[in-house]
Amino acid sequence: MTRKIILIVGPTAVGKTKLSIELAQKFDGEIISGDSMQVYRNLDIGTAKVTTGEMKGIPHHLIDIRDIDEQYTAADFIAEAKSKIEEISNRGKMPVIAGGTGFYLQVLLDNFKLGSDDNTIENKDDIRNELQGYLEKNGSKKLWERLEKIDPVAASKIPIGNSRRVIRALEVYYRTGKLFSEQNDQKTSEFDPLIIGLTTDRALLYERINQRVDIMIENGLLDEAKYLFEKGNMELSAAKGIGYKEFYEYFEGKISLDDAIALVKRNSRRYAKRQLTWFRNKMDVNWFDIIQNPEEIQIINAKVKKWREK
């Protein structure tokens, strides 16, 4: 049975949490977090975790389900998200997935079969940057030849000049350890998704990110980062998140607090840019700007209503 799900995607600081709650209220839904960091207990501020008051009584899932010394992979997310989607749907409720971890959401929709032993590969943040850098340095033919060596079946179906698809095929392999050609054969129409993307003017987005970091500092972000640092520093999977890792050199006396905060802001802005690129290239997203055009919420509501009735 194909299950309807709503996905709310986009970069950090565009209002995904608030919109997900409003849609869940209006369309009798429950929310599943699509964020790779909100699964960790005791990391509330740096992960922008929804507060009990903000939830407005709407059940939230896949939040606070791991200790900071535990791994959490895309394979874990897929298994647990599917279980929650089925559970929520069986109660007659609408599953609403809100989050910015694009790879998790893509593999959920594409139904890729991920191995459980690929934690090291899957958690690397620089795979796409490395592939993009390789393309810029060596050209599309060399990039395609790299795929041909790894997965000749996939390479035979992708034109040399289609570097976006070549990068996607390589990225799937490096993240999952599985061939892209095999993954494609396993895709099914398990879900009927409506993907709502939130974005806004780039300068305004960056300003909101900078302000958000300042508020996090005021609310105790430094204490959370110190907690992670004292528990194991970069040895922990949870410790690699933006908003935490930038403070470790400050705790070691190597940089100033102002420099560490500036790094958090810079890395958050860069991450937002990567998130936007991911969702625009990988998913069929309906984009809205409810920051500059709050009236677009009515358009979103109408779109959801029409999609539900199909």
C-alpha atoms as a PDB file:
ATOM      1  CA  MET A   1       0.000   0.000   0.000  1.00  0.00           C
ATOM      2  CA  THR A   2       1.321   3.439  -0.981  1.00  0.00           C
ATOM      3  CA  ARG A   3       1.296   5.713   2.057  1.00  0.00           C
ATOM      4  CA  LYS A   4       0.924   9.455   1.833  1.00  0.00           C
ATOM      5  CA  ILE A   5       3.592  11.452   3.654  1.00  0.00           C
ATOM      6  CA  ILE A   6       4.364  15.149   3.845  1.00  0.00           C
ATOM      7  CA  LEU A   7       8.020  16.207   3.831  1.00  0.00           C
ATOM      8  CA  ILE A   8       9.079  19.679   4.884  1.00  0.00           C
ATOM      9  CA  VAL A   9      12.621  20.357   3.749  1.00  0.00           C
ATOM     10  CA  GLY A  10      15.043  23.214   3.294  1.00  0.00           C
ATOM     11  CA  PRO A  11      18.049  24.865   4.918  1.00  0.00           C
ATOM     12  CA  THR A  12      18.395  25.710   8.557  1.00  0.00           C
ATOM     13  CA  ALA A  13      16.549  28.731   9.983  1.00  0.00           C
ATOM     14  CA  VAL A  14      13.673  28.955   7.464  1.00  0.00           C
ATOM     15  CA  GLY A  15      10.819  27.844   9.722  1.00  0.00           C
ATOM     16  CA  LYS A  16      10.486  24.105   9.017  1.00  0.00           C
ATOM     17  CA  THR A  17       9.615  23.252  12.624  1.00  0.00           C
ATOM     18  CA  LYS A  18       6.891  25.884  12.915  1.00  0.00           C
ATOM     19  CA  LEU A  19       5.301  24.941   9.581  1.00  0.00           C
ATOM     20  CA  SER A  20       5.372  21.227  10.370  1.00  0.00           C
ATOM     21  CA  ILE A  21       3.453  21.830  13.583  1.00  0.00           C
ATOM     22  CA  GLU A  22       0.900  24.043  11.846  1.00  0.00           C
ATOM     23  CA  LEU A  23       0.300  21.438   9.131  1.00  0.00           C
ATOM     24  CA  ALA A  24       0.087  18.631  11.690  1.00  0.00           C
ATOM     25  CA  GLN A  25      -2.547  20.624  13.579  1.00  0.00           C
ATOM     26  CA  LYS A  26      -4.558  21.378  10.457  1.00  0.00           C
ATOM     27  CA  PHE A  27      -4.354  17.934   8.840  1.00  0.00           C
ATOM     28  CA  ASP A  28      -4.376  15.670  11.908  1.00  0.00           C
ATOM     29  CA  GLY A  29      -0.724  14.724  11.678  1.00  0.00           C
ATOM     30  CA  GLU A  30       2.210  13.573  13.751  1.00  0.00           C
ATOM     31  CA  ILE A  31       5.778  14.691  13.148  1.00  0.00           C
ATOM     32  CA  ILE A  32       8.846  12.593  12.427  1.00  0.00           C
ATOM     33  CA  SER A  33      12.190  14.345  12.723  1.00  0.00           C
ATOM     34  CA  GLY A  34      14.343  14.079   9.612  1.00  0.00           C
ATOM     35  CA  ASP A  35      17.408  15.469  11.346  1.00  0.00           C
ATOM     36  CA  SER A  36      20.515  13.390  11.997  1.00  0.00           C
ATOM     37  CA  MET A  37      21.462  15.290  15.181  1.00  0.00           C
ATOM     38  CA  GLN A  38      18.136  15.646  16.989  1.00  0.00           C
ATOM     39  CA  VAL A  39      18.225  11.935  17.777  1.00  0.00           C
ATOM     40  CA  TYR A  40      20.819  12.593  20.497  1.00  0.00           C
ATOM     41  CA  ARG A  41      19.790  13.135  24.090  1.00  0.00           C
ATOM     42  CA  ASN A  42      21.095  16.206  25.942  1.00  0.00           C
ATOM     43  CA  LEU A  43      21.865  18.076  22.709  1.00  0.00           C
ATOM     44  CA  ASP A  44      18.913  20.433  22.551  1.00  0.00           C
ATOM     45  CA  ILE A  45      20.198  23.923  21.783  1.00  0.00           C
ATOM     46  CA  GLY A  46      22.758  23.234  19.069  1.00  0.00           C
ATOM     47  CA  THR A  47      20.360  20.948  17.209  1.00  0.00           C
ATOM     48  CA  ALA A  48      17.482  23.466  17.393  1.00  0.00           C
ATOM     49  CA  LYS A  49      15.326  20.775  18.943  1.00  0.00           C
ATOM     50  CA  VAL A  50      11.632  21.594  19.281  1.00  0.00           C
ATOM     51  CA  THR A  51      10.591  22.384  22.841  1.00  0.00           C
ATOM     52  CA  THR A  52       7.608  20.840  24.595  1.00  0.00           C
ATOM     53  CA  GLY A  53       5.814  24.175  24.468  1.00  0.00           C
ATOM     54  CA  GLU A  54       6.435  24.585  20.744  1.00  0.00           C
ATOM     55  CA  MET A  55       5.016  21.111  20.034  1.00  0.00           C
ATOM     56  CA  LYS A  56       1.510  22.332  20.937  1.00  0.00           C
ATOM     57  CA  GLY A  57       0.506  18.802  21.825  1.00  0.00           C
ATOM     58  CA  ILE A  58       1.540  17.291  18.480  1.00  0.00           C
ATOM     59  CA  PRO A  59       3.412  13.973  18.943  1.00  0.00           C
ATOM     60  CA  HIS A  60       7.023  14.078  17.724  1.00  0.00           C
ATOM     61  CA  HIS A  61       9.091  11.015  16.835  1.00  0.00           C
ATOM     62  CA  LEU A  62      12.799  10.148  16.357  1.00  0.00           C
ATOM     63  CA  ILE A  63      13.932  12.782  18.833  1.00  0.00           C
ATOM     64  CA  ASP A  64      16.050  11.854  21.885  1.00  0.00           C
ATOM     65  CA  ILE A  65      16.404   8.202  20.870  1.00  0.00           C
ATOM     66  CA  ARG A  66      20.211   7.821  21.074  1.00  0.00           C
ATOM     67  CA  ASP A  67      22.920   8.530  23.633  1.00  0.00           C
ATOM     68  CA  ILE A  68      25.787  10.679  22.382  1.00  0.00           C
ATOM     69  CA  ASP A  69      28.193   7.730  22.227  1.00  0.00           C
ATOM     70  CA  GLU A  70      25.903   5.732  19.910  1.00  0.00           C
ATOM     71  CA  GLN A  71      26.049   5.668  16.126  1.00  0.00           C
ATOM     72  CA  TYR A  72      23.062   6.781  14.083  1.00  0.00           C
ATOM     73  CA  THR A  73      23.135   6.028  10.373  1.00  0.00           C
ATOM     74  CA  ALA A  74      20.912   6.485   7.351  1.00  0.00           C
ATOM     75  CA  ALA A  75      20.065   2.799   7.608  1.00  0.00           C
ATOM     76  CA  ASP A  76      18.854   3.352  11.184  1.00  0.00           C
ATOM     77  CA  PHE A  77      16.795   6.338  10.094  1.00  0.00           C
ATOM     78  CA  ILE A  78      15.118   4.478   7.235  1.00  0.00           C
ATOM     79  CA  ALA A  79      14.158   1.514   9.401  1.00  0.00           C
ATOM     80  CA  GLU A  80      12.825   3.653  12.240  1.00  0.00           C
ATOM     81  CA  ALA A  81      11.131   6.231  10.010  1.00  0.00           C
ATOM     82  CA  LYS A  82       9.314   3.507   8.044  1.00  0.00           C
ATOM     83  CA  SER A  83       8.145   1.943  11.285  1.00  0.00           C
ATOM     84  CA  LYS A  84       6.819   5.299  12.518  1.00  0.00           C
ATOM     85  CA  ILE A  85       5.151   6.088   9.179  1.00  0.00           C
ATOM     86  CA  GLU A  86       3.296   2.792   9.306  1.00  0.00           C
ATOM     87  CA  GLU A  87       2.353   3.264  12.951  1.00  0.00           C
ATOM     88  CA  ILE A  88       1.097   6.825  12.405  1.00  0.00           C
ATOM     89  CA  SER A  89      -0.782   5.933   9.212  1.00  0.00           C
ATOM     90  CA  ASN A  90      -2.453   2.967  10.890  1.00  0.00           C
ATOM     91  CA  ARG A  91      -3.837   5.342  13.512  1.00  0.00           C
ATOM     92  CA  GLY A  92      -5.434   7.358  10.723  1.00  0.00           C
ATOM     93  CA  LYS A  93      -2.983  10.229  11.158  1.00  0.00           C
ATOM     94  CA  MET A  94      -0.830  12.013   8.588  1.00  0.00           C
ATOM     95  CA  PRO A  95       2.960  11.458   8.857  1.00  0.00           C
ATOM     96  CA  VAL A  96       4.807  14.782   8.539  1.00  0.00           C
ATOM     97  CA  ILE A  97       8.582  14.488   8.200  1.00  0.00           C
ATOM     98  CA  ALA A  98      10.469  17.700   8.914  1.00  0.00           C
ATOM     99  CA  GLY A  99      14.210  18.051   8.619  1.00  0.00           C
ATOM    100  CA  GLY A 100      17.238  19.139   6.696  1.00  0.00           C
ATOM    101  CA  THR A 101      19.319  15.964   6.427  1.00  0.00           C
ATOM    102  CA  GLY A 102      18.849  15.549   2.699  1.00  0.00           C
ATOM    103  CA  PHE A 103      20.568  12.204   2.243  1.00  0.00           C
ATOM    104  CA  TYR A 104      18.354  10.560   4.868  1.00  0.00           C
ATOM    105  CA  LEU A 105      15.191  11.827   3.223  1.00  0.00           C
ATOM    106  CA  GLN A 106      16.325  10.920  -0.281  1.00  0.00           C
ATOM    107  CA  VAL A 107      17.160   7.327   0.556  1.00  0.00           C
ATOM    108  CA  LEU A 108      13.881   6.992   2.439  1.00  0.00           C
ATOM    109  CA  LEU A 109      11.909   8.001  -0.655  1.00  0.00           C
ATOM    110  CA  ASP A 110      14.096   6.044  -3.074  1.00  0.00           C
ATOM    111  CA  ASN A 111      14.017   2.956  -0.855  1.00  0.00           C
ATOM    112  CA  PHE A 112      17.750   2.345  -1.147  1.00  0.00           C
ATOM    113  CA  LYS A 113      18.954  -0.734   0.712  1.00  0.00           C
ATOM    114  CA  LEU A 114      21.678   0.478   3.044  1.00  0.00           C
ATOM    115  CA  GLY A 115      24.037  -1.762   4.943  1.00  0.00           C
ATOM    116  CA  SER A 116      24.223  -1.463   8.712  1.00  0.00           C
ATOM    117  CA  ASP A 117      28.023  -1.715   8.713  1.00  0.00           C
ATOM    118  CA  ASP A 118      28.707   1.384   6.627  1.00  0.00           C
ATOM    119  CA  ASN A 119      28.794   3.896   9.480  1.00  0.00           C
ATOM    120  CA  THR A 120      32.212   5.320   8.707  1.00  0.00           C
ATOM    121  CA  ILE A 121      31.482   5.900   5.037  1.00  0.00           C
ATOM    122  CA  GLU A 122      27.936   7.110   5.492  1.00  0.00           C
ATOM    123  CA  ASN A 123      28.781   9.738   8.068  1.00  0.00           C
ATOM    124  CA  LYS A 124      31.432  11.544   6.047  1.00  0.00           C
ATOM    125  CA  ASP A 125      30.311  15.085   5.272  1.00  0.00           C
ATOM    126  CA  ASP A 126      32.894  15.792   2.567  1.00  0.00           C
ATOM    127  CA  ILE A 127      32.013  13.139  -0.040  1.00  0.00           C
ATOM    128  CA  ARG A 128      30.119  15.468  -2.336  1.00  0.00           C
ATOM    129  CA  ASN A 129      32.700  18.243  -1.946  1.00  0.00           C
ATOM    130  CA  GLU A 130      35.465  15.795  -2.893  1.00  0.00           C
ATOM    131  CA  LEU A 131      33.574  14.611  -5.976  1.00  0.00           C
ATOM    132  CA  GLN A 132      32.737  18.158  -7.027  1.00  0.00           C
ATOM    133  CA  GLY A 133      36.375  19.145  -6.591  1.00  0.00           C
ATOM    134  CA  TYR A 134      37.458  16.151  -8.667  1.00  0.00           C
ATOM    135  CA  LEU A 135      35.056  17.197 -11.426  1.00  0.00           C
ATOM    136  CA  GLU A 136      36.339  20.777 -11.460  1.00  0.00           C
ATOM    137  CA  LYS A 137      39.962  19.640 -11.549  1.00  0.00           C
ATOM    138  CA  ASN A 138      39.739  16.700 -13.963  1.00  0.00           C
ATOM    139  CA  GLY A 139      36.600  17.233 -16.045  1.00  0.00           C
ATOM    140  CA  SER A 140      33.430  15.240 -16.650  1.00  0.00           C
ATOM    141  CA  LYS A 141      35.082  12.442 -18.658  1.00  0.00           C
ATOM    142  CA  LYS A 142      37.525  11.539 -15.869  1.00  0.00           C
ATOM    143  CA  LEU A 143      34.702  11.655 -13.341  1.00  0.00           C
ATOM    144  CA  TRP A 144      32.622   9.323 -15.504  1.00  0.00           C
ATOM    145  CA  GLU A 145      35.578   6.962 -15.894  1.00  0.00           C
ATOM    146  CA  ARG A 146      35.863   6.829 -12.120  1.00  0.00           C
ATOM    147  CA  LEU A 147      32.257   5.626 -11.973  1.00  0.00           C
ATOM    148  CA  GLU A 148      32.859   3.164 -14.825  1.00  0.00           C
ATOM    149  CA  LYS A 149      35.590   1.433 -12.818  1.00  0.00           C
ATOM    150  CA  ILE A 150      33.315   1.074  -9.787  1.00  0.00           C
ATOM    151  CA  ASP A 151      29.923   0.488 -11.407  1.00  0.00           C
ATOM    152  CA  PRO A 152      30.091  -0.088 -15.185  1.00  0.00           C
ATOM    153  CA  VAL A 153      26.370  -0.870 -15.381  1.00  0.00           C
ATOM    154  CA  ALA A 154      25.432   2.526 -13.946  1.00  0.00           C
ATOM    155  CA  ALA A 155      28.059   4.273 -16.085  1.00  0.00           C
ATOM    156  CA  SER A 156      26.651   2.715 -19.263  1.00  0.00           C
ATOM    157  CA  LYS A 157      23.270   4.324 -18.537  1.00  0.00           C
ATOM    158  CA  ILE A 158      24.568   7.802 -17.635  1.00  0.00           C
ATOM    159  CA  PRO A 159      25.945  10.141 -20.349  1.00  0.00           C
ATOM    160  CA  ILE A 160      29.500  11.372 -19.748  1.00  0.00           C
ATOM    161  CA  GLY A 161      28.283  14.968 -19.692  1.00  0.00           C
ATOM    162  CA  ASN A 162      25.622  14.376 -17.027  1.00  0.00           C
ATOM    163  CA  SER A 163      27.982  15.056 -14.124  1.00  0.00           C
ATOM    164  CA  ARG A 164      25.163  15.582 -11.656  1.00  0.00           C
ATOM    165  CA  ARG A 165      23.950  12.007 -12.075  1.00  0.00           C
ATOM    166  CA  VAL A 166      27.504  10.666 -12.121  1.00  0.00           C
ATOM    167  CA  ILE A 167      28.191  12.374  -8.802  1.00  0.00           C
ATOM    168  CA  ARG A 168      24.956  10.990  -7.392  1.00  0.00           C
ATOM    169  CA  ALA A 169      25.891   7.444  -8.427  1.00  0.00           C
ATOM    170  CA  LEU A 170      29.362   7.746  -6.904  1.00  0.00           C
ATOM    171  CA  GLU A 171      27.980   9.360  -3.776  1.00  0.00           C
ATOM    172  CA  VAL A 172      25.526   6.530  -3.182  1.00  0.00           C
ATOM    173  CA  TYR A 173      28.343   4.014  -3.520  1.00  0.00           C
ATOM    174  CA  TYR A 174      30.712   5.848  -1.176  1.00  0.00           C
ATOM    175  CA  ARG A 175      28.005   6.451   1.415  1.00  0.00           C
ATOM    176  CA  THR A 176      26.437   3.003   1.377  1.00  0.00           C
ATOM    177  CA  GLY A 177      29.012   0.611  -0.037  1.00  0.00           C
ATOM    178  CA  LYS A 178      26.338  -0.567  -2.511  1.00  0.00           C
ATOM    179  CA  LEU A 179      26.352  -0.116  -6.290  1.00  0.00           C
ATOM    180  CA  PHE A 180      24.073   2.567  -7.659  1.00  0.00           C
ATOM    181  CA  SER A 181      22.889   0.239 -10.426  1.00  0.00           C
ATOM    182  CA  GLU A 182      21.689  -2.255  -7.822  1.00  0.00           C
ATOM    183  CA  GLN A 183      20.046   0.445  -5.737  1.00  0.00           C
ATOM    184  CA  ASN A 184      17.979   1.670  -8.674  1.00  0.00           C
ATOM    185  CA  ASP A 185      16.606  -1.800  -9.286  1.00  0.00           C
ATOM    186  CA  GLN A 186      15.248  -1.868  -5.744  1.00  0.00           C
ATOM    187  CA  LYS A 187      13.291   1.373  -5.844  1.00  0.00           C
ATOM    188  CA  THR A 188       9.567   1.063  -5.231  1.00  0.00           C
ATOM    189  CA  SER A 189       6.570   3.341  -4.955  1.00  0.00           C
ATOM    190  CA  GLU A 190       6.253   2.776  -1.253  1.00  0.00           C
ATOM    191  CA  PHE A 191       5.250   6.374  -0.544  1.00  0.00           C
ATOM    192  CA  ASP A 192       3.206   9.110  -2.160  1.00  0.00           C
ATOM    193  CA  PRO A 193       5.142  12.144  -0.932  1.00  0.00           C
ATOM    194  CA  LEU A 194       4.279  15.816  -1.037  1.00  0.00           C
ATOM    195  CA  ILE A 195       7.565  17.670  -0.628  1.00  0.00           C
ATOM    196  CA  ILE A 196       7.318  21.242   0.598  1.00  0.00           C
ATOM    197  CA  GLY A 197      10.551  23.231   0.534  1.00  0.00           C
ATOM    198  CA  LEU A 198      11.146  26.428   2.472  1.00  0.00           C
ATOM    199  CA  THR A 199      13.692  28.996   1.380  1.00  0.00           C
ATOM    200  CA  THR A 200      14.192  32.749   1.340  1.00  0.00           C
ATOM    201  CA  ASP A 201      16.506  35.446   0.037  1.00  0.00           C
ATOM    202  CA  ARG A 202      20.124  34.345   0.564  1.00  0.00           C
ATOM    203  CA  ALA A 203      21.205  37.492   2.437  1.00  0.00           C
ATOM    204  CA  LEU A 204      18.156  37.280   4.708  1.00  0.00           C
ATOM    205  CA  LEU A 205      18.777  33.578   5.318  1.00  0.00           C
ATOM    206  CA  TYR A 206      22.368  34.231   6.348  1.00  0.00           C
ATOM    207  CA  GLU A 207      21.258  37.036   8.642  1.00  0.00           C
ATOM    208  CA  ARG A 208      18.739  34.705  10.302  1.00  0.00           C
ATOM    209  CA  ILE A 209      21.407  32.032  10.732  1.00  0.00           C
ATOM    210  CA  ASN A 210      23.782  34.499  12.387  1.00  0.00           C
ATOM    211  CA  GLN A 211      21.027  35.680  14.729  1.00  0.00           C
ATOM    212  CA  ARG A 212      20.061  32.117  15.513  1.00  0.00           C
ATOM    213  CA  VAL A 213      23.621  31.280  16.550  1.00  0.00           C
ATOM    214  CA  ASP A 214      23.701  34.342  18.839  1.00  0.00           C
ATOM    215  CA  ILE A 215      20.468  33.185  20.499  1.00  0.00           C
ATOM    216  CA  MET A 216      21.878  29.676  20.902  1.00  0.00           C
ATOM    217  CA  ILE A 217      24.925  31.117  22.647  1.00  0.00           C
ATOM    218  CA  GLU A 218      22.664  33.067  25.008  1.00  0.00           C
ATOM    219  CA  ASN A 219      20.637  29.915  25.717  1.00  0.00           C
ATOM    220  CA  GLY A 220      23.634  27.772  26.675  1.00  0.00           C
ATOM    221  CA  LEU A 221      25.149  26.297  23.505  1.00  0.00           C
ATOM    222  CA  LEU A 222      28.619  26.560  25.009  1.00  0.00           C
ATOM    223  CA  ASP A 223      27.619  24.270  27.874  1.00  0.00           C
ATOM    224  CA  GLU A 224      26.386  21.622  25.438  1.00  0.00           C
ATOM    225  CA  ALA A 225      29.604  21.828  23.441  1.00  0.00           C
ATOM    226  CA  LYS A 226      31.668  21.537  26.637  1.00  0.00           C
ATOM    227  CA  TYR A 227      29.618  18.486  27.638  1.00  0.00           C
ATOM    228  CA  LEU A 228      30.464  16.785  24.329  1.00  0.00           C
ATOM    229  CA  PHE A 229      34.111  17.846  24.552  1.00  0.00           C
ATOM    230  CA  GLU A 230      34.487  16.351  27.999  1.00  0.00           C
ATOM    231  CA  LYS A 231      32.680  13.136  27.013  1.00  0.00           C
ATOM    232  CA  GLY A 232      35.027  12.279  24.186  1.00  0.00           C
ATOM    233  CA  ASN A 233      35.599  15.213  21.851  1.00  0.00           C
ATOM    234  CA  MET A 234      35.726  14.215  18.158  1.00  0.00           C
ATOM    235  CA  GLU A 235      35.684  10.504  18.912  1.00  0.00           C
ATOM    236  CA  LEU A 236      31.890  10.658  19.258  1.00  0.00           C
ATOM    237  CA  SER A 237      29.633  10.695  16.200  1.00  0.00           C
ATOM    238  CA  ALA A 238      27.464  13.319  17.852  1.00  0.00           C
ATOM    239  CA  ALA A 239      30.490  15.558  18.385  1.00  0.00           C
ATOM    240  CA  LYS A 240      30.968  16.159  14.674  1.00  0.00           C
ATOM    241  CA  GLY A 241      27.879  18.327  14.339  1.00  0.00           C
ATOM    242  CA  ILE A 242      28.047  21.982  13.337  1.00  0.00           C
ATOM    243  CA  GLY A 243      27.583  24.121  16.413  1.00  0.00           C
ATOM    244  CA  TYR A 244      29.694  21.831  18.571  1.00  0.00           C
ATOM    245  CA  LYS A 245      32.920  20.921  16.796  1.00  0.00           C
ATOM    246  CA  GLU A 246      33.873  24.576  16.300  1.00  0.00           C
ATOM    247  CA  PHE A 247      34.299  25.102  20.052  1.00  0.00           C
ATOM    248  CA  TYR A 248      36.816  22.332  20.733  1.00  0.00           C
ATOM    249  CA  GLU A 249      39.856  24.428  19.817  1.00  0.00           C
ATOM    250  CA  TYR A 250      38.486  27.168  22.060  1.00  0.00           C
ATOM    251  CA  PHE A 251      38.311  24.710  24.960  1.00  0.00           C
ATOM    252  CA  GLU A 252      41.912  23.738  24.189  1.00  0.00           C
ATOM    253  CA  GLY A 253      42.976  27.391  24.306  1.00  0.00           C
ATOM    254  CA  LYS A 254      43.894  27.532  20.618  1.00  0.00           C
ATOM    255  CA  ILE A 255      41.340  30.118  19.455  1.00  0.00           C
ATOM    256  CA  SER A 256      39.207  32.809  21.048  1.00  0.00           C
ATOM    257  CA  LEU A 257      35.520  32.435  21.847  1.00  0.00           C
ATOM    258  CA  ASP A 258      34.687  35.099  19.255  1.00  0.00           C
ATOM    259  CA  ASP A 259      36.598  33.124  16.616  1.00  0.00           C
ATOM    260  CA  ALA A 260      34.757  29.928  17.565  1.00  0.00           C
ATOM    261  CA  ILE A 261      31.370  31.632  17.307  1.00  0.00           C
ATOM    262  CA  ALA A 262      32.358  33.098  13.933  1.00  0.00           C
ATOM    263  CA  LEU A 263      33.227  29.578  12.768  1.00  0.00           C
ATOM    264  CA  VAL A 264      29.813  28.271  13.849  1.00  0.00           C
ATOM    265  CA  LYS A 265      28.117  31.027  11.858  1.00  0.00           C
ATOM    266  CA  ARG A 266      30.296  30.466   8.803  1.00  0.00           C
ATOM    267  CA  ASN A 267      29.872  26.696   8.824  1.00  0.00           C
ATOM    268  CA  SER A 268      26.121  27.028   9.387  1.00  0.00           C
ATOM    269  CA  ARG A 269      25.826  29.345   6.396  1.00  0.00           C
ATOM    270  CA  ARG A 270      27.856  26.977   4.237  1.00  0.00           C
ATOM    271  CA  TYR A 271      25.733  24.041   5.366  1.00  0.00           C
ATOM    272  CA  ALA A 272      22.555  25.939   4.474  1.00  0.00           C
ATOM    273  CA  LYS A 273      23.926  26.502   0.985  1.00  0.00           C
ATOM    274  CA  ARG A 274      24.707  22.791   0.616  1.00  0.00           C
ATOM    275  CA  GLN A 275      21.231  21.886   1.872  1.00  0.00           C
ATOM    276  CA  LEU A 276      19.591  24.093  -0.749  1.00  0.00           C
ATOM    277  CA  THR A 277      21.753  22.614  -3.501  1.00  0.00           C
ATOM    278  CA  TRP A 278      20.899  19.077  -2.371  1.00  0.00           C
ATOM    279  CA  PHE A 279      17.141  19.532  -2.288  1.00  0.00           C
ATOM    280  CA  ARG A 280      17.076  21.397  -5.583  1.00  0.00           C
ATOM    281  CA  ASN A 281      19.110  18.728  -7.354  1.00  0.00           C
ATOM    282  CA  LYS A 282      17.819  15.565  -5.725  1.00  0.00           C
ATOM    283  CA  MET A 283      14.128  15.947  -4.969  1.00  0.00           C
ATOM    284  CA  ASP A 284      10.923  17.167  -6.611  1.00  0.00           C
ATOM    285  CA  VAL A 285      10.258  20.056  -4.249  1.00  0.00           C
ATOM    286  CA  ASN A 286       7.455  22.661  -4.162  1.00  0.00           C
ATOM    287  CA  TRP A 287       9.300  25.792  -2.979  1.00  0.00           C
ATOM    288  CA  PHE A 288       7.853  28.563  -0.812  1.00  0.00           C
ATOM    289  CA  ASP A 289       9.156  31.627   1.014  1.00  0.00           C
ATOM    290  CA  ILE A 290       6.948  32.082   4.073  1.00  0.00           C
ATOM    291  CA  ILE A 291       9.435  34.462   5.688  1.00  0.00           C
ATOM    292  CA  GLN A 292       9.063  37.214   3.108  1.00  0.00           C
ATOM    293  CA  ASN A 293       5.645  36.050   1.903  1.00  0.00           C
ATOM    294  CA  PRO A 294       3.721  34.651   4.899  1.00  0.00           C
ATOM    295  CA  GLU A 295       0.540  34.544   2.813  1.00  0.00           C
ATOM    296  CA  GLU A 296       2.051  31.565   0.963  1.00  0.00           C
ATOM    297  CA  ILE A 297       1.051  29.416   3.939  1.00  0.00           C
ATOM    298  CA  GLN A 298      -2.478  29.532   2.530  1.00  0.00           C
ATOM    299  CA  ILE A 299      -1.176  28.223  -0.795  1.00  0.00           C
ATOM    300  CA  ILE A 300       0.606  25.407   1.050  1.00  0.00           C
ATOM    301  CA  ASN A 301      -2.577  24.512   2.925  1.00  0.00           C
ATOM    302  CA  ALA A 302      -4.547  24.392  -0.323  1.00  0.00           C
ATOM    303  CA  LYS A 303      -1.891  22.230  -1.975  1.00  0.00           C
ATOM    304  CA  VAL A 304      -1.891  19.766   0.921  1.00  0.00           C
ATOM    305  CA  LYS A 305      -5.682  19.610   0.919  1.00  0.00           C
ATOM    306  CA  LYS A 306      -5.838  18.906  -2.823  1.00  0.00           C
ATOM    307  CA  TRP A 307      -3.068  16.281  -2.608  1.00  0.00           C
ATOM    308  CA  ARG A 308      -4.797  14.486   0.278  1.00  0.00           C
ATOM    309  CA  GLU A 309      -8.011  14.221  -1.710  1.00  0.00           C
ATOM    310  CA  LYS A 310      -6.343  12.665  -4.756  1.00  0.00           C
END
